[in-house]
Amino acid sequence: MKIGTASALMGTKTILVGISPSMSLAISSSGLDFSRFDCFQTLQHSIHYAHRNGLFDKHRRPFFWGCGA
């Protein structure tokens, strides 16, 4: 969460990728607030979301950090 919050200060948007159903349950029962981050199960879903919402800068390559499945 600290990395995502710190990166937002630099003007980036954090997208969490690789959220399995069991990880999702663990996150929700941990009490941590991930509501400010967009979370996707697959990289394909996150790339589609990023393209659709204009999150790609044509001068920079996106950085994806997967959470593991």
Protein backbone atom coordinates (compact mmCIF):
# COMPACT_ATOMS: atom_id res chain seq x y z
CA MET A 1 0.00 0.00 0.00
CA LYS A 2 2.85 2.40 0.74
CA ILE A 3 4.28 1.98 -2.76
CA GLY A 4 0.91 2.67 -4.37
CA THR A 5 0.28 5.71 -2.21
CA ALA A 6 3.78 7.09 -2.80
CA SER A 7 3.53 6.55 -6.54
CA ALA A 8 0.22 8.45 -6.61
CA LEU A 9 2.11 11.48 -5.31
CA MET A 10 4.19 11.33 -8.49
CA GLY A 11 1.06 11.28 -10.65
CA THR A 12 0.87 7.57 -11.42
CA LYS A 13 -2.05 5.20 -11.10
CA THR A 14 -1.48 1.89 -9.34
CA ILE A 15 -3.12 -1.19 -10.84
CA LEU A 16 -2.74 -4.44 -8.93
CA VAL A 17 -2.58 -7.53 -11.12
CA GLY A 18 -2.68 -11.22 -10.28
CA ILE A 19 -5.29 -11.14 -7.55
CA SER A 20 -6.51 -14.71 -7.12
CA PRO A 21 -9.84 -15.45 -5.44
CA SER A 22 -8.06 -16.70 -2.31
CA MET A 23 -5.84 -13.61 -2.18
CA SER A 24 -8.90 -11.42 -2.61
CA LEU A 25 -10.53 -13.08 0.40
CA ALA A 26 -7.34 -12.67 2.46
CA ILE A 27 -7.12 -8.97 1.55
CA SER A 28 -10.76 -8.31 2.41
CA SER A 29 -10.52 -10.08 5.76
CA SER A 30 -7.25 -8.32 6.65
CA GLY A 31 -8.97 -4.98 7.05
CA LEU A 32 -6.61 -3.20 4.63
CA ASP A 33 -8.25 -0.63 2.38
CA PHE A 34 -7.41 -1.31 -1.26
CA SER A 35 -10.34 0.70 -2.60
CA ARG A 36 -8.06 3.35 -4.11
CA PHE A 37 -6.39 0.74 -6.32
CA ASP A 38 -7.83 -1.02 -9.33
CA CYS A 39 -7.32 -4.78 -8.93
CA PHE A 40 -7.45 -7.36 -11.69
CA GLN A 41 -7.03 -11.10 -11.79
CA THR A 42 -5.10 -11.17 -15.08
CA LEU A 43 -2.65 -8.93 -16.88
CA GLN A 44 -4.91 -9.07 -19.94
CA HIS A 45 -7.79 -7.53 -17.97
CA SER A 46 -5.57 -4.78 -16.57
CA ILE A 47 -4.14 -3.88 -19.99
CA HIS A 48 -7.66 -3.72 -21.45
CA TYR A 49 -8.72 -1.45 -18.56
CA ALA A 50 -5.67 0.80 -19.00
CA HIS A 51 -6.22 1.17 -22.75
CA ARG A 52 -9.93 1.80 -22.35
CA ASN A 53 -9.39 4.47 -19.70
CA GLY A 54 -6.53 6.28 -21.45
CA LEU A 55 -3.90 5.36 -18.87
CA PHE A 56 -1.15 4.73 -21.42
CA ASP A 57 1.24 7.57 -22.17
CA LYS A 58 2.39 7.27 -25.76
CA HIS A 59 5.90 8.37 -24.74
CA ARG A 60 6.38 5.90 -21.87
CA ARG A 61 5.99 2.19 -21.44
CA PRO A 62 3.63 1.08 -18.68
CA PHE A 63 4.98 -0.73 -15.65
CA PHE A 64 2.99 -3.68 -14.36
CA TRP A 65 3.77 -5.28 -11.03
CA GLY A 66 1.93 -8.55 -10.53
CA CYS A 67 0.95 -9.70 -7.07
CA GLY A 68 1.29 -13.39 -7.91
CA ALA A 69 -1.48 -15.90 -8.20
